[in-house]
C-alpha atoms as a PDB file:
ATOM      1  CA  MET A   1      53.563 -23.604 -18.397  1.00  0.00           C
ATOM      2  CA  GLY A   2      52.009 -22.441 -21.766  1.00  0.00           C
ATOM      3  CA  GLN A   3      49.396 -25.273 -21.816  1.00  0.00           C
ATOM      4  CA  LEU A   4      48.680 -24.478 -18.012  1.00  0.00           C
ATOM      5  CA  SER A   5      48.099 -20.671 -18.560  1.00  0.00           C
ATOM      6  CA  LYS A   6      45.837 -21.727 -21.258  1.00  0.00           C
ATOM      7  CA  LYS A   7      43.660 -24.002 -19.239  1.00  0.00           C
ATOM      8  CA  THR A   8      43.568 -21.328 -16.590  1.00  0.00           C
ATOM      9  CA  PHE A   9      42.620 -18.757 -19.006  1.00  0.00           C
ATOM     10  CA  LEU A  10      39.766 -20.830 -20.275  1.00  0.00           C
ATOM     11  CA  PHE A  11      38.656 -21.769 -16.703  1.00  0.00           C
ATOM     12  CA  CYS A  12      38.439 -18.354 -15.585  1.00  0.00           C
ATOM     13  CA  SER A  13      36.552 -17.232 -18.875  1.00  0.00           C
ATOM     14  CA  PHE A  14      34.124 -20.216 -18.093  1.00  0.00           C
ATOM     15  CA  ILE A  15      33.336 -18.652 -14.634  1.00  0.00           C
ATOM     16  CA  GLY A  16      33.326 -15.297 -15.911  1.00  0.00           C
ATOM     17  CA  LEU A  17      30.586 -16.334 -18.440  1.00  0.00           C
ATOM     18  CA  LEU A  18      28.476 -18.086 -15.689  1.00  0.00           C
ATOM     19  CA  LEU A  19      28.826 -14.732 -13.335  1.00  0.00           C
ATOM     20  CA  LEU A  20      27.355 -12.671 -16.382  1.00  0.00           C
ATOM     21  CA  LEU A  21      24.504 -15.233 -17.016  1.00  0.00           C
ATOM     22  CA  PHE A  22      23.866 -15.080 -13.156  1.00  0.00           C
ATOM     23  CA  CYS A  23      23.616 -11.309 -13.074  1.00  0.00           C
ATOM     24  CA  ALA A  24      21.571 -11.261 -16.146  1.00  0.00           C
ATOM     25  CA  ARG A  25      19.182 -13.285 -14.826  1.00  0.00           C
ATOM     26  CA  GLY A  26      19.246 -11.368 -11.549  1.00  0.00           C
ATOM     27  CA  THR A  27      18.524  -8.352 -13.317  1.00  0.00           C
ATOM     28  CA  LYS A  28      15.829  -9.615 -15.335  1.00  0.00           C
ATOM     29  CA  LYS A  29      14.189 -10.898 -12.078  1.00  0.00           C
ATOM     30  CA  LYS A  30      14.493  -7.687 -10.333  1.00  0.00           C
ATOM     31  CA  LEU A  31      13.052  -5.816 -13.181  1.00  0.00           C
ATOM     32  CA  SER A  32      10.038  -7.934 -13.455  1.00  0.00           C
ATOM     33  CA  LEU A  33       8.170  -6.434 -10.566  1.00  0.00           C
ATOM     34  CA  ARG A  34       5.557  -8.304  -8.481  1.00  0.00           C
ATOM     35  CA  VAL A  35       2.550  -6.127  -7.135  1.00  0.00           C
ATOM     36  CA  VAL A  36      -0.211  -6.647  -5.219  1.00  0.00           C
ATOM     37  CA  SER A  37      -3.248  -3.992  -5.035  1.00  0.00           C
ATOM     38  CA  LEU A  38      -5.650  -4.003  -2.126  1.00  0.00           C
ATOM     39  CA  VAL A  39      -7.546  -0.931  -3.447  1.00  0.00           C
ATOM     40  CA  PRO A  40      -9.994  -0.955  -6.447  1.00  0.00           C
ATOM     41  CA  SER A  41      -9.101   2.490  -7.668  1.00  0.00           C
ATOM     42  CA  ILE A  42      -5.282   1.398  -7.731  1.00  0.00           C
ATOM     43  CA  THR A  43      -6.206  -1.348  -9.594  1.00  0.00           C
ATOM     44  CA  GLU A  44      -8.084   0.493 -12.292  1.00  0.00           C
ATOM     45  CA  VAL A  45      -4.681   2.755 -12.370  1.00  0.00           C
ATOM     46  CA  ILE A  46      -2.450   0.027 -12.839  1.00  0.00           C
ATOM     47  CA  PHE A  47      -4.456  -1.121 -15.711  1.00  0.00           C
ATOM     48  CA  ALA A  48      -4.907   2.410 -17.142  1.00  0.00           C
ATOM     49  CA  LEU A  49      -1.302   2.345 -17.273  1.00  0.00           C
ATOM     50  CA  GLY A  50      -0.635  -0.392 -19.188  1.00  0.00           C
ATOM     51  CA  LYS A  51       0.814  -2.258 -16.278  1.00  0.00           C
ATOM     52  CA  GLU A  52      -1.699  -5.319 -15.444  1.00  0.00           C
ATOM     53  CA  SER A  53       0.997  -7.903 -16.143  1.00  0.00           C
ATOM     54  CA  LEU A  54       2.876  -6.950 -13.019  1.00  0.00           C
ATOM     55  CA  LEU A  55      -0.331  -7.741 -10.955  1.00  0.00           C
ATOM     56  CA  VAL A  56      -0.164 -10.918  -9.027  1.00  0.00           C
ATOM     57  CA  GLY A  57      -2.858 -10.474  -6.634  1.00  0.00           C
ATOM     58  CA  ASN A  58      -5.983  -7.907  -5.685  1.00  0.00           C
ATOM     59  CA  THR A  59      -9.154  -8.216  -3.664  1.00  0.00           C
ATOM     60  CA  ILE A  60     -12.321  -9.456  -4.338  1.00  0.00           C
ATOM     61  CA  TYR A  61     -13.638  -5.834  -4.896  1.00  0.00           C
ATOM     62  CA  CYS A  62     -11.254  -5.454  -7.593  1.00  0.00           C
ATOM     63  CA  ASP A  63     -13.687  -5.615 -10.497  1.00  0.00           C
ATOM     64  CA  TYR A  64     -12.823  -3.176 -12.971  1.00  0.00           C
ATOM     65  CA  PRO A  65     -11.715  -3.468 -15.911  1.00  0.00           C
ATOM     66  CA  GLU A  66     -12.834  -7.081 -16.577  1.00  0.00           C
ATOM     67  CA  GLY A  67      -9.332  -8.343 -16.572  1.00  0.00           C
ATOM     68  CA  ALA A  68      -9.374  -7.435 -12.900  1.00  0.00           C
ATOM     69  CA  LYS A  69     -11.627 -10.136 -11.844  1.00  0.00           C
ATOM     70  CA  LYS A  70      -9.296 -12.726 -13.110  1.00  0.00           C
ATOM     71  CA  ILE A  71      -6.497 -11.826 -11.172  1.00  0.00           C
ATOM     72  CA  TYR A  72      -5.620 -14.125  -8.064  1.00  0.00           C
ATOM     73  CA  LYS A  73      -7.833 -12.804  -4.882  1.00  0.00           C
ATOM     74  CA  VAL A  74      -6.266 -12.433  -1.582  1.00  0.00           C
ATOM     75  CA  GLY A  75      -9.306 -11.629   0.199  1.00  0.00           C
ATOM     76  CA  ASP A  76     -11.712  -9.001   0.730  1.00  0.00           C
ATOM     77  CA  PHE A  77     -10.758  -4.847   1.217  1.00  0.00           C
ATOM     78  CA  ILE A  78     -10.836  -4.725   5.069  1.00  0.00           C
ATOM     79  CA  ASN A  79      -9.381  -8.268   5.700  1.00  0.00           C
ATOM     80  CA  PRO A  80      -7.149  -9.601   3.048  1.00  0.00           C
ATOM     81  CA  SER A  81      -5.040 -12.710   3.840  1.00  0.00           C
ATOM     82  CA  LEU A  82      -1.662 -11.767   5.032  1.00  0.00           C
ATOM     83  CA  GLU A  83      -0.476 -15.473   4.174  1.00  0.00           C
ATOM     84  CA  LYS A  84      -1.937 -15.206   0.417  1.00  0.00           C
ATOM     85  CA  ILE A  85      -0.319 -11.970   0.208  1.00  0.00           C
ATOM     86  CA  VAL A  86       3.235 -13.249   1.262  1.00  0.00           C
ATOM     87  CA  ALA A  87       2.993 -16.160  -0.650  1.00  0.00           C
ATOM     88  CA  LEU A  88       2.877 -14.366  -3.749  1.00  0.00           C
ATOM     89  CA  ARG A  89       6.354 -12.736  -3.036  1.00  0.00           C
ATOM     90  CA  PRO A  90       5.363  -9.078  -4.024  1.00  0.00           C
ATOM     91  CA  ASP A  91       8.098  -6.356  -4.497  1.00  0.00           C
ATOM     92  CA  ILE A  92       5.189  -3.675  -3.322  1.00  0.00           C
ATOM     93  CA  VAL A  93       1.707  -3.921  -2.118  1.00  0.00           C
ATOM     94  CA  PHE A  94      -0.953  -0.926  -2.664  1.00  0.00           C
ATOM     95  CA  LEU A  95      -2.971  -0.216   0.025  1.00  0.00           C
ATOM     96  CA  THR A  96      -4.990   2.123   1.668  1.00  0.00           C
ATOM     97  CA  LEU A  97      -5.621   3.724   5.332  1.00  0.00           C
ATOM     98  CA  PRO A  98      -7.058   3.855   7.789  1.00  0.00           C
ATOM     99  CA  ALA A  99      -9.139   0.782   6.985  1.00  0.00           C
ATOM    100  CA  GLN A 100      -5.981  -1.567   5.926  1.00  0.00           C
ATOM    101  CA  LYS A 101      -3.564  -0.285   8.730  1.00  0.00           C
ATOM    102  CA  ILE A 102      -3.365  -3.690  10.274  1.00  0.00           C
ATOM    103  CA  ILE A 103      -2.220  -5.515   7.075  1.00  0.00           C
ATOM    104  CA  GLN A 104       0.304  -2.414   6.226  1.00  0.00           C
ATOM    105  CA  GLU A 105       2.062  -3.031   9.986  1.00  0.00           C
ATOM    106  CA  LYS A 106       2.346  -6.763   9.205  1.00  0.00           C
ATOM    107  CA  LEU A 107       3.908  -6.191   5.936  1.00  0.00           C
ATOM    108  CA  ASN A 108       6.089  -3.578   7.196  1.00  0.00           C
ATOM    109  CA  THR A 109       7.288  -6.190   9.960  1.00  0.00           C
ATOM    110  CA  LEU A 110       7.831  -8.484   7.150  1.00  0.00           C
ATOM    111  CA  LYS A 111       9.918  -6.166   5.398  1.00  0.00           C
ATOM    112  CA  ILE A 112       7.482  -5.788   2.359  1.00  0.00           C
ATOM    113  CA  LYS A 113       7.435  -2.671   0.383  1.00  0.00           C
ATOM    114  CA  THR A 114       3.933  -0.804   1.040  1.00  0.00           C
ATOM    115  CA  PHE A 115       2.497   2.284  -0.876  1.00  0.00           C
ATOM    116  CA  VAL A 116      -0.186   3.996   0.838  1.00  0.00           C
ATOM    117  CA  SER A 117      -3.095   5.530  -1.628  1.00  0.00           C
ATOM    118  CA  GLN A 118      -4.904   8.347   0.483  1.00  0.00           C
ATOM    119  CA  PRO A 119      -5.900  11.049  -1.952  1.00  0.00           C
ATOM    120  CA  LYS A 120      -7.798  13.908  -0.316  1.00  0.00           C
ATOM    121  CA  ASP A 121      -8.424  15.721  -3.466  1.00  0.00           C
ATOM    122  CA  PHE A 122      -8.271  15.724  -7.213  1.00  0.00           C
ATOM    123  CA  GLU A 123      -4.810  17.377  -7.450  1.00  0.00           C
ATOM    124  CA  THR A 124      -3.305  14.447  -4.822  1.00  0.00           C
ATOM    125  CA  MET A 125      -4.897  11.742  -7.005  1.00  0.00           C
ATOM    126  CA  LEU A 126      -3.209  12.901  -9.628  1.00  0.00           C
ATOM    127  CA  ASP A 127       0.074  13.140  -7.925  1.00  0.00           C
ATOM    128  CA  GLU A 128      -0.553   9.456  -6.754  1.00  0.00           C
ATOM    129  CA  ILE A 129      -1.103   8.447 -10.319  1.00  0.00           C
ATOM    130  CA  LYS A 130       2.270   9.795 -11.068  1.00  0.00           C
ATOM    131  CA  GLU A 131       3.958   8.233  -8.686  1.00  0.00           C
ATOM    132  CA  ILE A 132       2.571   4.821  -9.285  1.00  0.00           C
ATOM    133  CA  GLY A 133       3.588   5.290 -12.838  1.00  0.00           C
ATOM    134  CA  ARG A 134       7.084   6.225 -11.450  1.00  0.00           C
ATOM    135  CA  GLN A 135       7.140   2.792  -9.613  1.00  0.00           C
ATOM    136  CA  LEU A 136       5.973   0.659 -12.425  1.00  0.00           C
ATOM    137  CA  GLY A 137       7.987   1.942 -14.781  1.00  0.00           C
ATOM    138  CA  ALA A 138       5.147   3.828 -16.818  1.00  0.00           C
ATOM    139  CA  GLU A 139       6.000   7.427 -15.822  1.00  0.00           C
ATOM    140  CA  LYS A 140       5.486   8.850 -19.480  1.00  0.00           C
ATOM    141  CA  ARG A 141       1.698   7.228 -19.456  1.00  0.00           C
ATOM    142  CA  ALA A 142       1.051   8.351 -16.278  1.00  0.00           C
ATOM    143  CA  CYS A 143       1.692  12.147 -16.924  1.00  0.00           C
ATOM    144  CA  SER A 144      -0.291  11.623 -20.090  1.00  0.00           C
ATOM    145  CA  LEU A 145      -3.452  10.470 -18.009  1.00  0.00           C
ATOM    146  CA  SER A 146      -2.820  12.897 -15.361  1.00  0.00           C
ATOM    147  CA  HIS A 147      -2.999  15.477 -17.899  1.00  0.00           C
ATOM    148  CA  PHE A 148      -5.910  13.963 -19.784  1.00  0.00           C
ATOM    149  CA  LEU A 149      -8.023  13.964 -16.470  1.00  0.00           C
ATOM    150  CA  GLN A 150      -7.150  17.253 -15.387  1.00  0.00           C
ATOM    151  CA  GLU A 151      -8.014  18.932 -18.904  1.00  0.00           C
ATOM    152  CA  ALA A 152     -11.533  16.594 -18.689  1.00  0.00           C
ATOM    153  CA  LYS A 153     -12.367  17.939 -15.315  1.00  0.00           C
ATOM    154  CA  GLU A 154     -12.003  21.658 -16.169  1.00  0.00           C
ATOM    155  CA  LYS A 155     -14.710  20.922 -18.970  1.00  0.00           C
ATOM    156  CA  ILE A 156     -17.271  20.016 -16.318  1.00  0.00           C
ATOM    157  CA  ARG A 157     -19.176  22.555 -14.407  1.00  0.00           C
ATOM    158  CA  PHE A 158     -22.045  22.077 -12.290  1.00  0.00           C
ATOM    159  CA  PRO A 159     -24.884  24.591 -11.160  1.00  0.00           C
ATOM    160  CA  PRO A 160     -24.504  25.997  -7.813  1.00  0.00           C
ATOM    161  CA  ILE A 161     -27.144  23.719  -6.540  1.00  0.00           C
ATOM    162  CA  LYS A 162     -27.506  21.886  -3.073  1.00  0.00           C
ATOM    163  CA  VAL A 163     -26.865  18.261  -2.953  1.00  0.00           C
ATOM    164  CA  TYR A 164     -27.257  15.501  -0.258  1.00  0.00           C
ATOM    165  CA  ILE A 165     -25.123  12.793  -1.023  1.00  0.00           C
ATOM    166  CA  GLU A 166     -25.942   9.564   0.708  1.00  0.00           C
ATOM    167  CA  ILE A 167     -23.465   6.233   0.453  1.00  0.00           C
ATOM    168  CA  SER A 168     -25.294   4.317   3.526  1.00  0.00           C
ATOM    169  CA  PRO A 169     -28.940   4.198   4.334  1.00  0.00           C
ATOM    170  CA  GLN A 170     -28.588   1.987   7.772  1.00  0.00           C
ATOM    171  CA  PRO A 171     -27.057   4.096   9.342  1.00  0.00           C
ATOM    172  CA  ILE A 172     -27.432   7.065   7.082  1.00  0.00           C
ATOM    173  CA  ILE A 173     -23.836   8.113   6.230  1.00  0.00           C
ATOM    174  CA  SER A 174     -23.094  11.036   3.798  1.00  0.00           C
ATOM    175  CA  ILE A 175     -19.913  12.577   2.760  1.00  0.00           C
ATOM    176  CA  GLY A 176     -18.133  15.468   4.950  1.00  0.00           C
ATOM    177  CA  LYS A 177     -15.540  18.470   4.080  1.00  0.00           C
ATOM    178  CA  LYS A 178     -12.393  15.944   4.053  1.00  0.00           C
ATOM    179  CA  SER A 179     -13.889  13.526   1.456  1.00  0.00           C
ATOM    180  CA  PHE A 180     -12.159  13.294  -1.836  1.00  0.00           C
ATOM    181  CA  LEU A 181     -15.944  13.276  -3.634  1.00  0.00           C
ATOM    182  CA  SER A 182     -16.884  16.608  -1.780  1.00  0.00           C
ATOM    183  CA  ASP A 183     -13.455  18.466  -2.639  1.00  0.00           C
ATOM    184  CA  ILE A 184     -14.377  17.531  -6.250  1.00  0.00           C
ATOM    185  CA  LEU A 185     -18.149  18.303  -6.650  1.00  0.00           C
ATOM    186  CA  GLU A 186     -17.592  21.454  -4.519  1.00  0.00           C
ATOM    187  CA  LYS A 187     -14.724  22.742  -6.692  1.00  0.00           C
ATOM    188  CA  GLN A 188     -16.636  21.768  -9.914  1.00  0.00           C
ATOM    189  CA  GLY A 189     -19.945  24.283  -8.306  1.00  0.00           C
ATOM    190  CA  LEU A 190     -22.093  21.980  -6.491  1.00  0.00           C
ATOM    191  CA  LYS A 191     -23.011  22.497  -2.952  1.00  0.00           C
ATOM    192  CA  ASN A 192     -22.476  19.747  -0.584  1.00  0.00           C
ATOM    193  CA  ILE A 193     -25.064  20.255   2.176  1.00  0.00           C
ATOM    194  CA  PHE A 194     -22.627  18.546   4.685  1.00  0.00           C
ATOM    195  CA  SER A 195     -19.442  20.111   3.418  1.00  0.00           C
ATOM    196  CA  ASP A 196     -19.011  21.865   6.741  1.00  0.00           C
ATOM    197  CA  ILE A 197     -18.623  18.634   8.942  1.00  0.00           C
ATOM    198  CA  GLU A 198     -14.780  17.777   9.157  1.00  0.00           C
ATOM    199  CA  GLU A 199     -15.272  14.244   9.181  1.00  0.00           C
ATOM    200  CA  GLU A 200     -14.827  12.188   5.868  1.00  0.00           C
ATOM    201  CA  TYR A 201     -17.967  10.010   6.034  1.00  0.00           C
ATOM    202  CA  PRO A 202     -20.268  11.442   8.897  1.00  0.00           C
ATOM    203  CA  ILE A 203     -23.308   9.573  10.383  1.00  0.00           C
ATOM    204  CA  ILE A 204     -26.413  11.662   9.696  1.00  0.00           C
ATOM    205  CA  ARG A 205     -29.851  12.174  11.071  1.00  0.00           C
ATOM    206  CA  ILE A 206     -32.783  12.596   9.030  1.00  0.00           C
ATOM    207  CA  GLU A 207     -33.338  15.987  10.781  1.00  0.00           C
ATOM    208  CA  ASP A 208     -29.976  17.054   9.463  1.00  0.00           C
ATOM    209  CA  ILE A 209     -31.181  16.549   5.897  1.00  0.00           C
ATOM    210  CA  ILE A 210     -34.544  18.308   6.516  1.00  0.00           C
ATOM    211  CA  LYS A 211     -32.850  21.037   8.029  1.00  0.00           C
ATOM    212  CA  ARG A 212     -30.405  21.486   4.894  1.00  0.00           C
ATOM    213  CA  ASP A 213     -32.883  21.209   2.399  1.00  0.00           C
ATOM    214  CA  PRO A 214     -31.139  19.678  -0.465  1.00  0.00           C
ATOM    215  CA  GLU A 215     -32.568  20.691  -4.071  1.00  0.00           C
ATOM    216  CA  VAL A 216     -31.034  17.409  -5.656  1.00  0.00           C
ATOM    217  CA  VAL A 217     -30.456  13.824  -3.605  1.00  0.00           C
ATOM    218  CA  LEU A 218     -27.871  11.421  -4.853  1.00  0.00           C
ATOM    219  CA  ILE A 219     -27.637   7.914  -3.769  1.00  0.00           C
ATOM    220  CA  LEU A 220     -24.558   6.259  -3.981  1.00  0.00           C
ATOM    221  CA  HIS A 221     -25.038   2.778  -2.872  1.00  0.00           C
ATOM    222  CA  PRO A 222     -27.203   0.035  -4.092  1.00  0.00           C
ATOM    223  CA  LEU A 223     -29.451  -0.500  -0.928  1.00  0.00           C
ATOM    224  CA  SER A 224     -32.119   2.272  -1.763  1.00  0.00           C
ATOM    225  CA  ARG A 225     -34.081   3.553  -4.647  1.00  0.00           C
ATOM    226  CA  LYS A 226     -35.793   6.773  -5.408  1.00  0.00           C
ATOM    227  CA  GLU A 227     -39.227   5.172  -4.182  1.00  0.00           C
ATOM    228  CA  GLU A 228     -37.745   4.312  -0.927  1.00  0.00           C
ATOM    229  CA  VAL A 229     -36.197   7.654  -0.390  1.00  0.00           C
ATOM    230  CA  LYS A 230     -39.417   9.177  -0.979  1.00  0.00           C
ATOM    231  CA  LYS A 231     -41.149   7.228   1.527  1.00  0.00           C
ATOM    232  CA  ARG A 232     -38.821   8.010   4.380  1.00  0.00           C
ATOM    233  CA  LEU A 233     -40.734   9.858   7.273  1.00  0.00           C
ATOM    234  CA  GLY A 234     -39.931  13.735   7.132  1.00  0.00           C
ATOM    235  CA  LEU A 235     -38.212  13.427   4.109  1.00  0.00           C
ATOM    236  CA  GLU A 236     -41.374  14.689   2.036  1.00  0.00           C
ATOM    237  CA  LYS A 237     -40.452  18.249   3.272  1.00  0.00           C
ATOM    238  CA  VAL A 238     -37.183  18.468   1.225  1.00  0.00           C
ATOM    239  CA  LYS A 239     -36.849  20.267  -1.913  1.00  0.00           C
ATOM    240  CA  ALA A 240     -35.484  17.451  -3.573  1.00  0.00           C
ATOM    241  CA  VAL A 241     -38.259  14.864  -2.906  1.00  0.00           C
ATOM    242  CA  GLN A 242     -40.982  17.702  -3.773  1.00  0.00           C
ATOM    243  CA  SER A 243     -39.576  18.118  -7.119  1.00  0.00           C
ATOM    244  CA  GLY A 244     -38.508  14.367  -7.713  1.00  0.00           C
ATOM    245  CA  GLN A 245     -34.922  15.356  -7.839  1.00  0.00           C
ATOM    246  CA  ILE A 246     -33.445  12.210  -6.707  1.00  0.00           C
ATOM    247  CA  ILE A 247     -30.464  10.429  -8.530  1.00  0.00           C
ATOM    248  CA  ASP A 248     -29.770   6.614  -8.088  1.00  0.00           C
ATOM    249  CA  GLU A 249     -28.807   5.569 -11.749  1.00  0.00           C
ATOM    250  CA  ILE A 250     -24.987   6.235 -11.640  1.00  0.00           C
ATOM    251  CA  ASN A 251     -22.477   3.445 -10.735  1.00  0.00           C
ATOM    252  CA  PRO A 252     -21.217   4.438  -7.004  1.00  0.00           C
ATOM    253  CA  ASP A 253     -17.699   3.093  -8.087  1.00  0.00           C
ATOM    254  CA  LEU A 254     -17.664   5.979 -10.677  1.00  0.00           C
ATOM    255  CA  LEU A 255     -17.820   8.887  -8.239  1.00  0.00           C
ATOM    256  CA  LEU A 256     -16.386   6.893  -4.984  1.00  0.00           C
ATOM    257  CA  ARG A 257     -13.410   5.421  -6.154  1.00  0.00           C
ATOM    258  CA  PRO A 258     -10.542   7.927  -6.940  1.00  0.00           C
ATOM    259  CA  GLY A 259      -9.182   6.915 -10.091  1.00  0.00           C
ATOM    260  CA  PRO A 260      -9.513   7.183 -13.660  1.00  0.00           C
ATOM    261  CA  ARG A 261     -13.383   6.589 -14.233  1.00  0.00           C
ATOM    262  CA  ILE A 262     -13.892   9.627 -12.061  1.00  0.00           C
ATOM    263  CA  ILE A 263     -14.640  11.765 -15.075  1.00  0.00           C
ATOM    264  CA  GLU A 264     -17.265   9.335 -16.515  1.00  0.00           C
ATOM    265  CA  GLY A 265     -19.001   9.670 -13.325  1.00  0.00           C
ATOM    266  CA  LEU A 266     -18.960  13.307 -13.188  1.00  0.00           C
ATOM    267  CA  LYS A 267     -20.017  13.637 -16.996  1.00  0.00           C
ATOM    268  CA  MET A 268     -23.156  11.191 -15.930  1.00  0.00           C
ATOM    269  CA  LEU A 269     -23.941  13.573 -13.072  1.00  0.00           C
ATOM    270  CA  HIS A 270     -23.758  16.651 -15.127  1.00  0.00           C
ATOM    271  CA  SER A 271     -25.768  15.245 -17.970  1.00  0.00           C
ATOM    272  CA  ILE A 272     -28.575  14.049 -15.771  1.00  0.00           C
ATOM    273  CA  LEU A 273     -28.485  17.596 -13.669  1.00  0.00           C
ATOM    274  CA  SER A 274     -28.549  19.361 -17.008  1.00  0.00           C
ATOM    275  CA  SER A 275     -31.562  17.425 -18.042  1.00  0.00           C
ATOM    276  CA  LYS A 276     -33.647  18.603 -14.881  1.00  0.00           C
ATOM    277  CA  PRO A 277     -35.762  21.771 -15.036  1.00  0.00           C
ATOM    278  CA  GLY A 278     -34.364  24.917 -13.578  1.00  0.00           C
ATOM    279  CA  HIS A 279     -30.600  23.205 -13.409  1.00  0.00           C
ATOM    280  CA  GLU A 280     -29.671  23.606 -17.173  1.00  0.00           C
ATOM    281  CA  LYS A 281     -25.997  24.770 -17.425  1.00  0.00           C
END
């Protein structure tokens, strides 16, 4: 009877050890998050937080930093492949609306967790960075990054000049009141000539630009350059064109992506404007 009890004890101990090992493996797997980012700015945030090892997939437009180019691609920004995303077995997929509404609905149906990035201003961008840090286990680093970005922004002040921002030439698209970029530029001192339009990205007529007579034209797309803008019929009447105040040398991603590099874009814009006669600050 004593021998049987000893064997029973050893058997139960063995089973208990197996259960502990199984639980430990399960815990380790749970802690090792698998993340897919469908948003270039979020990909940049993930790298800035030092959590790129969790990133198992992103889009072909996630091209910064250099390491982002090496991550498995699930497709483009508007039509990422659901099959490729699901095959990666993600714990969370970062996306944005309304552009990725359809893929969000499909992922929700499959019970795959999503995080919607939709910052409307600088403050909500910082809130998102902190929340991403919380989701990925990098809260302290996210708070430090947010604090750094806030302090850096406060040091940049623009002269109160009227600016026309163009993000597409055909059709001509600018930025309106509800866009992230309009909010931050106006809070830092610039005057977006289309800040009275409620849309984020309104389609604009040449006549609208002429009527509002901007002092600076800021081109944030690769399809036009200074010389092409100068030749547009009617724009010769605008102050910015007459004085040659057309900026086309800033990488659009620095200002259009609501992520850590926005400060770099603001500094470049400030430097360019400060070097132009009459715009010193």
